[in-house]
Amino acid sequence: MEAVRPARCPECGAASRPVGGALGLHGHGLRQRQVLGPLEWGDAAQARVVAVRRFRCTACGATCTVCPREVLTRRLYAATAIGLALALFGLLWRPVAGVRAQVSPWRVVGPGSEGRWCALAAWVRALPRGGLFRALPPCPEDWSPRRIAARAAAALAARAPEAVGTSPPPLHVLAPLGAAHSA
């Protein structure tokens, strides 16, 4: 538990382990979070459950959670699944239904949702204002959804580690494909 204990309370800033003082952030149990999407490139999308450690601040009473990197705040899909969806939609110009089929584990789609995917639309809408990946450069809000997705996917791929072994090439190799489409 010590390895994942935050250094400070994200709410009030109190130190979690002040020198010579009492512990400021106490373990407050485990929670389970459902995370959707493929685990690796080429895998089938799946729903999985990950354990999330909770901590409670003795100074302000706030609770905080510590999650694996791929778990995003207030998002059901893993960060890697969202990045894959943005690359498929923005760089490879796949239709929304094809992106959904590759990234979502849910195979049954209602008749009103065929050809649409609200999650993908929400992710693209959140990108210009930094509401999804804070480290990405901002882009103009008048850009088309595909252009926004392409820029975000290329920026994410630029930060990804190089592929090793039998892994496919990193997404930044696909970036020139997105440049051929001006949206």
Protein backbone atom coordinates (compact mmCIF):
# COMPACT_ATOMS: atom_id res chain seq x y z
CA MET A 1 0.00 0.00 0.00
CA GLU A 2 2.90 2.39 0.68
CA ALA A 3 3.97 2.25 -2.96
CA VAL A 4 0.67 3.71 -4.15
CA ARG A 5 -0.12 6.12 -1.29
CA PRO A 6 -0.34 9.66 -2.72
CA ALA A 7 2.21 12.15 -1.37
CA ARG A 8 -0.53 14.70 -0.65
CA CYS A 9 -4.27 14.89 -0.34
CA PRO A 10 -5.56 16.03 -3.74
CA GLU A 11 -8.32 18.02 -2.02
CA CYS A 12 -6.57 20.02 0.72
CA GLY A 13 -2.88 19.38 -0.02
CA ALA A 14 -2.08 17.90 3.40
CA ALA A 15 0.99 15.65 3.42
CA SER A 16 0.20 11.96 3.54
CA ARG A 17 3.20 11.12 5.71
CA PRO A 18 4.44 14.29 7.47
CA VAL A 19 7.89 14.03 9.04
CA GLY A 20 7.47 13.28 12.74
CA GLY A 21 3.69 13.43 12.47
CA ALA A 22 0.78 11.04 12.24
CA LEU A 23 -0.21 9.44 8.97
CA GLY A 24 -2.34 11.91 6.97
CA LEU A 25 -3.82 9.60 4.33
CA HIS A 26 -5.13 6.31 5.66
CA GLY A 27 -5.98 3.29 3.53
CA HIS A 28 -9.76 3.27 3.12
CA GLY A 29 -10.28 -0.08 1.41
CA LEU A 30 -10.49 -1.28 -2.15
CA ARG A 31 -13.07 -0.54 -4.80
CA GLN A 32 -13.61 -2.34 -8.02
CA ARG A 33 -13.89 -0.47 -11.30
CA GLN A 34 -15.07 -1.88 -14.58
CA VAL A 35 -12.81 -0.97 -17.51
CA LEU A 36 -13.75 -1.60 -21.14
CA GLY A 37 -11.72 -2.07 -24.31
CA PRO A 38 -9.02 -4.31 -25.76
CA LEU A 39 -5.99 -5.04 -23.56
CA GLU A 40 -3.49 -4.94 -26.43
CA TRP A 41 -3.34 -4.22 -30.13
CA GLY A 42 -5.36 -6.79 -32.04
CA ASP A 43 -7.06 -8.24 -28.94
CA ALA A 44 -10.81 -8.52 -28.75
CA ALA A 45 -12.45 -5.84 -26.65
CA GLN A 46 -13.51 -7.00 -23.21
CA ALA A 47 -14.97 -5.84 -19.94
CA ARG A 48 -12.63 -6.38 -17.01
CA VAL A 49 -12.57 -5.39 -13.36
CA VAL A 50 -9.58 -3.70 -11.74
CA ALA A 51 -8.95 -3.05 -8.05
CA VAL A 52 -8.68 0.60 -7.05
CA ARG A 53 -7.11 1.55 -3.72
CA ARG A 54 -8.93 4.21 -1.68
CA PHE A 55 -7.39 6.63 0.82
CA ARG A 56 -9.00 9.01 3.30
CA CYS A 57 -7.47 12.30 4.45
CA THR A 58 -7.47 12.83 8.21
CA ALA A 59 -7.26 16.61 7.76
CA CYS A 60 -10.29 17.25 5.53
CA GLY A 61 -12.07 13.88 5.36
CA ALA A 62 -11.90 13.66 1.57
CA THR A 63 -11.39 10.30 -0.07
CA CYS A 64 -9.27 9.71 -3.14
CA THR A 65 -8.56 6.69 -5.29
CA VAL A 66 -5.38 5.43 -6.90
CA CYS A 67 -5.89 3.58 -10.18
CA PRO A 68 -3.70 1.96 -12.80
CA ARG A 69 -2.57 4.45 -15.49
CA GLU A 70 -4.99 3.18 -18.10
CA VAL A 71 -8.00 3.97 -15.88
CA LEU A 72 -9.23 7.51 -16.50
CA THR A 73 -11.35 9.54 -14.10
CA ARG A 74 -15.06 9.34 -14.92
CA ARG A 75 -14.46 7.19 -18.01
CA LEU A 76 -15.63 3.61 -18.48
CA TYR A 77 -13.17 2.83 -21.29
CA ALA A 78 -9.43 2.46 -20.73
CA ALA A 79 -7.15 5.24 -21.96
CA THR A 80 -5.60 2.81 -24.44
CA ALA A 81 -9.04 1.93 -25.83
CA ILE A 82 -9.90 5.61 -26.25
CA GLY A 83 -6.57 6.26 -28.00
CA LEU A 84 -7.20 3.32 -30.33
CA ALA A 85 -10.71 4.58 -31.12
CA LEU A 86 -9.35 8.08 -31.90
CA ALA A 87 -6.67 6.61 -34.19
CA LEU A 88 -9.12 4.37 -36.04
CA PHE A 89 -11.60 7.22 -36.50
CA GLY A 90 -9.23 10.13 -37.09
CA LEU A 91 -6.15 8.64 -38.76
CA LEU A 92 -7.51 5.59 -40.54
CA TRP A 93 -10.93 7.10 -41.35
CA ARG A 94 -12.81 4.01 -40.22
CA PRO A 95 -16.59 4.39 -40.00
CA VAL A 96 -17.98 4.92 -36.51
CA ALA A 97 -19.66 1.50 -36.53
CA GLY A 98 -16.32 -0.16 -37.35
CA VAL A 99 -14.54 1.69 -34.56
CA ARG A 100 -17.26 0.68 -32.12
CA ALA A 101 -17.05 -2.96 -33.22
CA GLN A 102 -13.29 -3.03 -32.58
CA VAL A 103 -13.17 -1.10 -29.29
CA SER A 104 -16.45 -1.86 -27.51
CA PRO A 105 -17.04 -5.26 -25.92
CA TRP A 106 -20.81 -4.89 -26.31
CA ARG A 107 -21.94 -6.67 -29.47
CA VAL A 108 -25.65 -5.86 -29.26
CA VAL A 109 -26.47 -2.39 -30.58
CA GLY A 110 -29.98 -0.98 -30.54
CA PRO A 111 -31.60 0.05 -33.82
CA GLY A 112 -31.34 3.74 -32.91
CA SER A 113 -27.59 3.44 -32.33
CA GLU A 114 -26.52 1.70 -35.53
CA GLY A 115 -23.80 3.72 -37.22
CA ARG A 116 -23.43 5.99 -34.18
CA TRP A 117 -21.45 5.76 -30.96
CA CYS A 118 -22.15 8.34 -28.27
CA ALA A 119 -18.94 7.50 -26.37
CA LEU A 120 -16.72 8.32 -29.36
CA ALA A 121 -18.60 11.57 -29.97
CA ALA A 122 -18.21 12.53 -26.29
CA TRP A 123 -14.47 11.81 -26.36
CA VAL A 124 -13.97 13.97 -29.44
CA ARG A 125 -16.06 16.80 -27.92
CA ALA A 126 -13.96 16.68 -24.74
CA LEU A 127 -10.61 16.96 -26.56
CA PRO A 128 -10.54 20.67 -27.57
CA ARG A 129 -11.12 21.82 -24.00
CA GLY A 130 -8.61 19.38 -22.44
CA GLY A 131 -11.29 17.31 -20.74
CA LEU A 132 -9.91 13.93 -21.74
CA PHE A 133 -6.10 13.96 -21.96
CA ARG A 134 -4.69 17.10 -20.30
CA ALA A 135 -1.22 16.78 -21.83
CA LEU A 136 -2.48 17.10 -25.41
CA PRO A 137 -2.09 20.40 -27.24
CA PRO A 138 -5.33 22.34 -27.64
CA CYS A 139 -6.95 22.56 -31.05
CA PRO A 140 -9.46 25.00 -32.50
CA GLU A 141 -13.08 24.17 -31.69
CA ASP A 142 -14.12 24.73 -35.32
CA TRP A 143 -12.17 21.65 -36.49
CA SER A 144 -14.12 18.64 -37.72
CA PRO A 145 -14.44 15.65 -35.35
CA ARG A 146 -12.13 13.52 -37.53
CA ARG A 147 -9.46 16.22 -37.56
CA ILE A 148 -9.65 16.62 -33.78
CA ALA A 149 -9.42 12.83 -33.34
CA ALA A 150 -6.49 12.59 -35.76
CA ARG A 151 -4.51 15.27 -33.95
CA ALA A 152 -5.16 13.69 -30.56
CA ALA A 153 -4.23 10.20 -31.80
CA ALA A 154 -1.01 11.48 -33.37
CA ALA A 155 -0.09 13.36 -30.17
CA LEU A 156 -0.79 10.28 -28.04
CA ALA A 157 1.23 8.07 -30.38
CA ALA A 158 4.16 10.47 -30.19
CA ARG A 159 4.24 9.92 -26.41
CA ALA A 160 3.89 6.12 -26.64
CA PRO A 161 6.88 3.86 -26.05
CA GLU A 162 8.37 2.12 -29.08
CA ALA A 163 6.96 -1.25 -30.06
CA VAL A 164 9.00 -4.22 -28.85
CA GLY A 165 9.19 -7.76 -30.19
CA THR A 166 6.16 -8.97 -32.11
CA SER A 167 4.05 -5.93 -31.29
CA PRO A 168 2.64 -3.98 -34.23
CA PRO A 169 4.27 -0.68 -35.15
CA PRO A 170 3.40 2.23 -32.89
CA LEU A 171 0.52 4.42 -33.98
CA HIS A 172 2.81 7.29 -35.04
CA VAL A 173 3.66 5.24 -38.14
CA LEU A 174 0.01 5.66 -39.11
CA ALA A 175 0.04 9.45 -38.70
CA PRO A 176 0.97 10.18 -42.36
CA LEU A 177 -2.18 8.33 -43.41
CA GLY A 178 -4.25 10.88 -41.54
CA ALA A 179 -2.51 13.75 -43.31
CA ALA A 180 -3.86 12.57 -46.65
CA HIS A 181 -7.39 13.42 -45.52
CA SER A 182 -8.06 17.10 -45.06
CA ALA A 183 -11.23 17.56 -43.10
